[in-house]
Protein backbone atom coordinates (compact mmCIF):
# COMPACT_ATOMS: atom_id res chain seq x y z
CA MET A 1 -306.21 102.42 38.74
CA PHE A 2 -307.46 103.15 35.38
CA THR A 3 -304.96 105.83 33.90
CA LYS A 4 -303.22 106.55 30.64
CA GLU A 5 -299.58 106.51 30.12
CA ASP A 6 -299.32 110.21 31.03
CA GLY A 7 -301.15 109.61 34.42
CA THR A 8 -304.44 110.98 33.53
CA TYR A 9 -307.70 109.16 34.24
CA SER A 10 -308.98 106.95 31.62
CA GLY A 11 -312.11 105.87 32.95
CA THR A 12 -313.48 102.26 33.43
CA ASP A 13 -315.12 101.46 30.25
CA ILE A 14 -312.03 99.66 28.82
CA ILE A 15 -312.44 97.05 31.48
CA LYS A 16 -316.19 96.96 31.98
CA TYR A 17 -317.26 95.12 28.78
CA PRO A 18 -314.60 92.49 28.85
CA PHE A 19 -315.47 91.96 32.60
CA LYS A 20 -319.26 91.60 31.68
CA VAL A 21 -318.53 89.14 28.77
CA ILE A 22 -316.21 87.09 30.87
CA HIS A 23 -318.38 86.62 33.85
CA ASN A 24 -321.38 85.95 31.72
CA GLU A 25 -319.60 83.15 29.75
CA LEU A 26 -318.61 81.71 33.18
CA GLY A 27 -322.02 81.85 34.50
CA ILE A 28 -321.06 84.04 37.46
CA GLU A 29 -324.32 85.95 38.77
CA ASN A 30 -324.76 88.65 41.15
CA CYS A 31 -321.29 90.13 40.41
CA ARG A 32 -320.77 93.88 39.56
CA PHE A 33 -317.65 95.55 38.35
CA TYR A 34 -317.43 97.59 41.48
CA ASP A 35 -317.27 94.22 43.47
CA LEU A 36 -313.71 93.79 42.27
CA ARG A 37 -312.74 97.14 44.08
CA GLY A 38 -314.26 95.87 47.22
CA SER A 39 -312.38 92.51 46.98
CA PHE A 40 -309.15 94.42 46.20
CA ALA A 41 -309.63 96.69 49.15
CA THR A 42 -310.59 93.75 51.64
CA ARG A 43 -307.86 91.48 50.55
CA SER A 44 -305.08 94.39 50.55
CA LEU A 45 -306.11 95.26 54.14
CA ARG A 46 -306.19 91.43 55.25
CA SER A 47 -302.66 91.32 53.62
CA GLY A 48 -301.35 94.11 56.18
CA VAL A 49 -301.62 97.06 53.59
CA GLU A 50 -302.31 100.22 55.48
CA ILE A 51 -305.82 101.63 54.95
CA LYS A 52 -304.72 104.99 53.83
CA ASP A 53 -302.90 103.46 51.02
CA VAL A 54 -305.89 101.34 49.91
CA ALA A 55 -308.07 104.48 50.03
CA ASN A 56 -305.43 106.30 47.91
CA ASN A 57 -305.37 103.57 45.29
CA LEU A 58 -309.10 103.65 44.97
CA GLY A 59 -308.97 107.35 44.60
CA HIS A 60 -310.91 108.08 47.88
CA LYS A 61 -309.80 111.43 49.65
CA ARG A 62 -311.31 110.00 52.86
CA ILE A 63 -310.45 106.52 54.24
CA GLU A 64 -314.26 106.52 55.57
CA THR A 65 -315.27 105.90 52.27
CA THR A 66 -313.14 102.96 51.94
CA GLU A 67 -314.15 101.64 55.31
CA ASN A 68 -317.82 102.09 54.65
CA TYR A 69 -318.30 101.04 51.14
CA TYR A 70 -315.53 98.65 50.16
CA ILE A 71 -314.22 96.59 53.19
CA PHE A 72 -316.17 93.41 53.60
CA SER A 73 -316.16 90.71 56.25
CA SER A 74 -315.38 87.30 55.42
CA ILE A 75 -317.18 84.26 56.64
CA GLU A 76 -314.26 83.16 58.42
CA ASN A 77 -313.87 86.60 60.28
CA LEU A 78 -317.55 86.46 61.31
CA LYS A 79 -317.08 83.06 62.67
CA ASN A 80 -314.21 84.14 64.72
CA VAL A 81 -316.20 86.97 66.11
CA THR A 82 -318.93 84.51 67.16
CA GLU A 83 -316.58 82.22 68.82
CA THR A 84 -314.72 84.96 70.58
CA PHE A 85 -318.11 86.14 71.84
CA GLU A 86 -319.00 82.72 72.95
CA LYS A 87 -315.79 82.03 74.75
CA ASN A 88 -315.87 85.44 76.65
CA PHE A 89 -319.49 84.68 77.34
CA ARG A 90 -318.71 81.35 78.95
CA ILE A 91 -315.68 82.91 80.99
CA LEU A 92 -317.90 85.82 82.30
CA ASP A 93 -320.83 83.28 83.03
CA ASP A 94 -318.31 81.03 84.99
CA ASP A 95 -317.00 84.12 87.02
CA ILE A 96 -320.71 85.06 87.99
CA TYR A 97 -321.49 81.47 88.96
CA PHE A 98 -318.41 81.04 90.95
CA HIS A 99 -318.67 84.40 92.72
CA LYS A 100 -322.45 83.38 93.70
CA GLU A 101 -321.20 80.10 95.19
CA LYS A 102 -318.79 81.89 97.57
């Protein structure tokens, strides 16, 4: 992501200082530069981009690195997991209850 015109890696220092200045001026706390990479990875995957392509853009040789360190669950996704569990539990509970009645 941070390359020179000839394609060689340039490092992240060119963006870290402006990032620090901007987020300090806006009063954003608990935000690291690498959090942007996680947001990029998560949003890309949620938009339908293949994980291999996201891993490649982040410079990871293994998709497991991307999965383990850069993909985050949103509050909405966590709520969906909980709602799905509760719905399936109710169905299972109803099945058990009705089988006992027979």
